[in-house]
N, C-alpha and C. Protein backbone atom coordinates (compact mmCIF):
# COMPACT_ATOMS: atom_id res chain seq x y z
N ARG A 1 -17.66 6.77 -6.67
CA ARG A 1 -17.50 7.36 -5.28
C ARG A 1 -18.77 7.48 -4.73
N GLY A 2 -19.87 7.96 -5.45
CA GLY A 2 -21.15 8.13 -5.00
C GLY A 2 -21.75 6.92 -4.42
N ALA A 3 -21.57 5.76 -5.07
CA ALA A 3 -22.11 4.46 -4.59
C ALA A 3 -21.39 4.10 -3.40
N HIS A 4 -20.15 4.29 -3.29
CA HIS A 4 -19.36 3.97 -2.04
C HIS A 4 -19.86 4.66 -0.83
N GLU A 5 -20.12 6.02 -1.09
CA GLU A 5 -20.65 6.82 -0.05
C GLU A 5 -22.06 6.43 0.41
N MET A 6 -22.91 6.05 -0.57
CA MET A 6 -24.24 5.55 -0.15
C MET A 6 -24.18 4.27 0.57
N MET A 7 -23.37 3.38 0.06
CA MET A 7 -23.23 2.01 0.81
C MET A 7 -22.72 2.24 2.18
N THR A 8 -21.73 3.13 2.39
CA THR A 8 -21.24 3.43 3.75
C THR A 8 -22.35 3.85 4.69
N LEU A 9 -23.22 4.77 4.09
CA LEU A 9 -24.32 5.27 4.91
C LEU A 9 -25.32 4.13 5.24
N PHE A 10 -25.64 3.32 4.17
CA PHE A 10 -26.50 2.17 4.49
C PHE A 10 -25.96 1.15 5.59
N LYS A 11 -24.74 0.93 5.47
CA LYS A 11 -23.97 0.06 6.44
C LYS A 11 -24.12 0.60 7.81
N LYS A 12 -23.98 1.86 7.97
CA LYS A 12 -24.12 2.54 9.29
C LYS A 12 -25.50 2.30 9.85
N ILE A 13 -26.44 2.62 8.84
CA ILE A 13 -27.91 2.37 9.29
C ILE A 13 -28.12 0.96 9.74
N HIS A 14 -27.60 -0.02 8.90
CA HIS A 14 -27.88 -1.47 9.24
C HIS A 14 -27.13 -1.85 10.55
N ASP A 15 -25.96 -1.34 10.75
CA ASP A 15 -25.18 -1.72 11.94
C ASP A 15 -25.92 -1.24 13.17
N LYS A 16 -26.78 -0.18 13.08
CA LYS A 16 -27.52 0.30 14.28
C LYS A 16 -28.85 -0.48 14.44
N GLY A 17 -29.11 -1.57 13.60
CA GLY A 17 -30.13 -2.45 13.76
C GLY A 17 -31.29 -2.28 12.89
N THR A 18 -31.29 -1.43 11.85
CA THR A 18 -32.34 -1.15 10.90
C THR A 18 -32.15 -2.04 9.63
N THR A 19 -33.05 -2.70 9.16
CA THR A 19 -33.00 -3.54 8.08
C THR A 19 -33.00 -2.64 6.94
N VAL A 20 -32.12 -2.83 5.92
CA VAL A 20 -32.03 -2.04 4.71
C VAL A 20 -32.26 -3.00 3.53
N VAL A 21 -33.31 -2.51 2.70
CA VAL A 21 -33.59 -3.39 1.52
C VAL A 21 -33.00 -2.66 0.24
N LEU A 22 -32.10 -3.30 -0.40
CA LEU A 22 -31.34 -2.74 -1.48
C LEU A 22 -31.71 -3.47 -2.72
N VAL A 23 -32.03 -2.87 -3.81
CA VAL A 23 -32.23 -3.40 -5.12
C VAL A 23 -31.06 -2.94 -6.03
N THR A 24 -30.29 -3.92 -6.52
CA THR A 24 -29.18 -3.60 -7.45
C THR A 24 -28.82 -4.75 -8.29
N HIS A 25 -28.23 -4.47 -9.46
CA HIS A 25 -27.73 -5.36 -10.37
C HIS A 25 -26.16 -5.59 -10.19
N ASP A 26 -25.68 -4.85 -9.25
CA ASP A 26 -24.16 -4.82 -9.05
C ASP A 26 -23.88 -5.92 -8.06
N MET A 27 -23.30 -7.02 -8.49
CA MET A 27 -23.01 -8.11 -7.67
C MET A 27 -21.76 -7.83 -6.84
N ASN A 28 -20.95 -6.80 -7.19
CA ASN A 28 -19.84 -6.48 -6.30
C ASN A 28 -20.31 -5.92 -5.01
N ILE A 29 -21.46 -5.01 -5.16
CA ILE A 29 -22.10 -4.53 -4.01
C ILE A 29 -22.82 -5.46 -3.10
N VAL A 30 -23.35 -6.62 -3.80
CA VAL A 30 -24.03 -7.60 -3.12
C VAL A 30 -23.04 -8.48 -2.30
N LEU A 31 -21.89 -8.78 -2.94
CA LEU A 31 -20.95 -9.57 -2.17
C LEU A 31 -20.33 -8.77 -0.97
N ARG A 32 -20.10 -7.51 -1.21
CA ARG A 32 -19.52 -6.63 0.02
C ARG A 32 -20.45 -6.36 1.15
N TYR A 33 -21.78 -6.11 0.75
CA TYR A 33 -22.66 -5.56 1.85
C TYR A 33 -23.81 -6.41 2.23
N ALA A 34 -24.34 -7.21 1.34
CA ALA A 34 -25.61 -7.93 1.51
C ALA A 34 -25.42 -9.13 2.57
N THR A 35 -26.30 -9.34 3.52
CA THR A 35 -26.30 -10.47 4.29
C THR A 35 -27.41 -11.54 3.78
N HIS A 36 -28.28 -11.09 3.03
CA HIS A 36 -29.42 -12.05 2.50
C HIS A 36 -29.62 -11.45 1.15
N VAL A 37 -29.77 -12.42 0.17
CA VAL A 37 -29.96 -12.07 -1.27
C VAL A 37 -31.24 -12.78 -1.70
N VAL A 38 -32.13 -12.08 -2.40
CA VAL A 38 -33.26 -12.59 -3.04
C VAL A 38 -33.04 -12.35 -4.60
N VAL A 39 -33.03 -13.40 -5.40
CA VAL A 39 -32.87 -13.25 -6.76
C VAL A 39 -34.18 -13.39 -7.40
N MET A 40 -34.51 -12.46 -8.28
CA MET A 40 -35.84 -12.55 -9.04
C MET A 40 -35.68 -12.55 -10.52
N LYS A 41 -36.63 -13.19 -11.05
CA LYS A 41 -36.52 -13.52 -12.64
C LYS A 41 -38.02 -13.25 -13.03
N ASP A 42 -38.28 -12.36 -13.86
CA ASP A 42 -39.65 -12.20 -14.54
C ASP A 42 -40.68 -11.91 -13.40
N GLY A 43 -40.18 -11.15 -12.31
CA GLY A 43 -41.18 -10.78 -11.23
C GLY A 43 -41.28 -11.86 -10.15
N ALA A 44 -40.64 -13.01 -10.33
CA ALA A 44 -40.86 -14.12 -9.33
C ALA A 44 -39.46 -14.36 -8.61
N ILE A 45 -39.58 -14.69 -7.29
CA ILE A 45 -38.44 -15.13 -6.59
C ILE A 45 -37.95 -16.54 -7.16
N VAL A 46 -36.71 -16.56 -7.51
CA VAL A 46 -36.15 -17.93 -7.94
C VAL A 46 -34.99 -18.38 -7.06
N ARG A 47 -34.56 -17.62 -6.12
CA ARG A 47 -33.57 -18.14 -5.17
C ARG A 47 -33.41 -17.00 -4.10
N GLU A 48 -33.22 -17.67 -2.74
CA GLU A 48 -32.85 -16.82 -1.65
C GLU A 48 -31.68 -17.59 -1.08
N SER A 49 -30.74 -16.73 -0.63
CA SER A 49 -29.52 -17.29 -0.15
C SER A 49 -28.65 -16.12 0.43
N ASP A 50 -27.47 -16.42 1.12
CA ASP A 50 -26.63 -15.46 1.43
C ASP A 50 -25.68 -15.25 0.18
N PRO A 51 -24.92 -14.21 0.19
CA PRO A 51 -24.08 -13.95 -1.01
C PRO A 51 -23.03 -14.94 -1.35
N ILE A 52 -22.35 -15.56 -0.41
CA ILE A 52 -21.33 -16.51 -0.60
C ILE A 52 -21.93 -17.76 -1.24
N SER A 53 -22.96 -18.31 -0.72
CA SER A 53 -23.66 -19.48 -1.18
C SER A 53 -24.10 -19.28 -2.60
N LEU A 54 -24.68 -18.07 -2.89
CA LEU A 54 -25.22 -17.76 -4.20
C LEU A 54 -24.14 -17.78 -5.21
N PHE A 55 -22.91 -17.17 -4.89
CA PHE A 55 -21.87 -17.06 -5.89
C PHE A 55 -21.12 -18.38 -6.11
N ALA A 56 -21.24 -19.20 -5.07
CA ALA A 56 -20.60 -20.47 -5.06
C ALA A 56 -21.29 -21.49 -5.92
N SER A 57 -22.55 -21.20 -6.22
CA SER A 57 -23.46 -22.03 -6.98
C SER A 57 -23.47 -21.74 -8.41
N ASP A 58 -24.15 -22.55 -9.19
CA ASP A 58 -24.35 -22.16 -10.61
C ASP A 58 -25.43 -21.02 -10.73
N THR A 59 -24.97 -19.91 -11.23
CA THR A 59 -25.91 -18.81 -11.45
C THR A 59 -26.09 -18.51 -12.87
N SER A 60 -25.75 -19.40 -13.83
CA SER A 60 -26.09 -19.17 -15.19
C SER A 60 -27.51 -19.17 -15.52
N GLU A 61 -28.37 -19.72 -14.81
CA GLU A 61 -29.85 -19.70 -15.17
C GLU A 61 -30.39 -18.35 -14.85
N PHE A 62 -29.66 -17.48 -13.92
CA PHE A 62 -30.13 -16.23 -13.51
C PHE A 62 -29.45 -15.20 -14.27
N ALA A 63 -28.43 -15.48 -15.03
CA ALA A 63 -27.64 -14.39 -15.88
C ALA A 63 -27.04 -13.45 -14.82
N LEU A 64 -26.54 -13.89 -13.77
CA LEU A 64 -25.80 -13.05 -12.69
C LEU A 64 -24.36 -13.01 -13.02
N GLU A 65 -23.72 -11.88 -12.87
CA GLU A 65 -22.31 -11.95 -12.97
C GLU A 65 -21.64 -12.19 -11.74
N ILE A 66 -20.71 -12.97 -11.62
CA ILE A 66 -20.12 -13.24 -10.31
C ILE A 66 -19.14 -12.02 -10.06
N PRO A 67 -19.11 -11.60 -8.80
CA PRO A 67 -18.27 -10.42 -8.45
C PRO A 67 -16.77 -10.69 -8.79
N LEU A 68 -16.20 -9.53 -9.26
CA LEU A 68 -14.70 -9.76 -9.67
C LEU A 68 -13.80 -10.25 -8.48
N LEU A 69 -14.02 -9.80 -7.35
CA LEU A 69 -13.14 -10.16 -6.15
C LEU A 69 -13.37 -11.69 -6.01
N TYR A 70 -14.70 -12.24 -5.99
CA TYR A 70 -14.83 -13.57 -5.84
C TYR A 70 -14.23 -14.46 -6.90
N GLN A 71 -14.41 -13.94 -8.16
CA GLN A 71 -13.82 -14.70 -9.25
C GLN A 71 -12.27 -14.75 -9.09
N PHE A 72 -11.57 -13.75 -8.64
CA PHE A 72 -10.17 -13.68 -8.48
C PHE A 72 -9.81 -14.66 -7.28
N ALA A 73 -10.49 -14.59 -6.22
CA ALA A 73 -10.23 -15.42 -5.19
C ALA A 73 -10.46 -16.88 -5.42
N LYS A 74 -11.47 -17.15 -6.20
CA LYS A 74 -11.71 -18.62 -6.59
C LYS A 74 -10.68 -19.04 -7.53
N LYS A 75 -10.04 -18.17 -8.41
CA LYS A 75 -8.84 -18.67 -9.31
C LYS A 75 -7.63 -18.89 -8.44
N LEU A 76 -7.41 -18.12 -7.45
CA LEU A 76 -6.27 -18.25 -6.55
C LEU A 76 -6.44 -19.55 -5.78
N GLN A 77 -7.72 -19.89 -5.34
CA GLN A 77 -7.99 -21.15 -4.67
C GLN A 77 -7.77 -22.40 -5.62
N ASP A 78 -8.20 -22.19 -6.85
CA ASP A 78 -8.11 -23.27 -7.81
C ASP A 78 -6.64 -23.57 -8.13
N ARG A 79 -5.78 -22.56 -8.04
CA ARG A 79 -4.37 -22.65 -8.30
C ARG A 79 -3.51 -23.04 -7.13
N GLY A 80 -4.14 -23.42 -5.94
CA GLY A 80 -3.44 -23.90 -4.83
C GLY A 80 -3.33 -23.18 -3.66
N MET A 81 -3.98 -21.90 -3.63
CA MET A 81 -3.91 -21.08 -2.40
C MET A 81 -4.96 -21.52 -1.44
N ALA A 82 -4.63 -21.62 -0.11
CA ALA A 82 -5.63 -22.08 0.87
C ALA A 82 -6.47 -20.96 1.28
N ILE A 83 -7.43 -20.61 0.47
CA ILE A 83 -8.41 -19.45 0.68
C ILE A 83 -9.65 -20.10 0.91
N ASP A 84 -10.36 -19.48 2.16
CA ASP A 84 -11.72 -19.95 2.45
C ASP A 84 -12.63 -18.84 1.86
N LEU A 85 -13.27 -19.22 0.84
CA LEU A 85 -14.19 -18.26 0.09
C LEU A 85 -15.21 -17.77 0.94
N THR A 86 -15.64 -18.47 1.93
CA THR A 86 -16.72 -18.01 2.79
C THR A 86 -16.31 -16.82 3.63
N HIS A 87 -15.09 -16.48 3.66
CA HIS A 87 -14.68 -15.28 4.41
C HIS A 87 -14.19 -14.06 3.52
N ILE A 88 -14.48 -14.27 2.13
CA ILE A 88 -14.08 -13.17 1.22
C ILE A 88 -15.24 -12.23 0.86
N ARG A 89 -15.29 -11.06 1.37
CA ARG A 89 -16.27 -10.12 1.17
C ARG A 89 -15.64 -8.70 0.60
N SER A 90 -14.42 -8.56 0.88
CA SER A 90 -13.58 -7.36 0.65
C SER A 90 -12.16 -7.66 0.22
N ILE A 91 -11.59 -6.71 -0.38
CA ILE A 91 -10.15 -6.91 -0.69
C ILE A 91 -9.30 -7.26 0.67
N GLU A 92 -9.71 -6.49 1.64
CA GLU A 92 -8.90 -6.74 2.95
C GLU A 92 -9.09 -8.14 3.38
N ASP A 93 -10.45 -8.69 3.17
CA ASP A 93 -10.55 -10.10 3.60
C ASP A 93 -9.72 -10.99 2.75
N LEU A 94 -9.58 -10.70 1.44
CA LEU A 94 -8.71 -11.56 0.60
C LEU A 94 -7.33 -11.53 1.05
N VAL A 95 -6.76 -10.29 1.21
CA VAL A 95 -5.34 -10.07 1.74
C VAL A 95 -5.20 -10.94 2.93
N SER A 96 -6.14 -10.86 3.86
CA SER A 96 -5.95 -11.57 5.26
C SER A 96 -5.91 -13.04 4.99
N GLN A 97 -6.77 -13.64 4.10
CA GLN A 97 -6.73 -14.96 3.83
C GLN A 97 -5.47 -15.50 3.05
N ILE A 98 -4.89 -14.65 2.24
CA ILE A 98 -3.64 -14.89 1.69
C ILE A 98 -2.60 -15.04 2.58
N LYS A 99 -2.54 -14.09 3.59
CA LYS A 99 -1.44 -14.11 4.47
C LYS A 99 -1.58 -15.15 5.44
N LYS A 100 -2.83 -15.63 5.74
CA LYS A 100 -3.10 -16.69 6.78
C LYS A 100 -2.99 -18.04 6.15
N GLY A 101 -3.42 -18.17 4.88
CA GLY A 101 -3.48 -19.46 4.31
C GLY A 101 -2.17 -19.95 3.52
N GLY A 102 -1.70 -19.08 2.84
CA GLY A 102 -0.47 -19.42 2.03
C GLY A 102 -0.85 -20.49 0.97
N VAL A 103 0.13 -21.36 0.71
CA VAL A 103 -0.11 -22.30 -0.49
C VAL A 103 -0.39 -23.60 0.14
N ARG A 104 -1.30 -24.37 -0.44
CA ARG A 104 -1.65 -25.73 -0.09
C ARG A 104 -0.37 -26.69 -0.51
N LYS A 105 -0.12 -27.75 0.27
CA LYS A 105 0.96 -28.55 0.03
C LYS A 105 0.47 -29.72 -0.69
């Protein structure tokens, strides 16, 4: 609950035009809130990206966990659901994609 409240506050600050720099290991937060991601390893920048592009790529060399929501959406897509992963940042986004896309023929 505390993390959600903090992220809501950060989002309000960001929506008013202030850049917020967040350091986290929680990839679920990264997917939901980040617009730009910098991945660091041993103190060096190894990747810069938007969250969706990052999670769509091979992240094994960075030892990053893929967010649960993204994993689930990807499994649905792999099983025939017409889901655009570039629009999945929240549960509400996923529900919208499922309603809109249905099943591929």
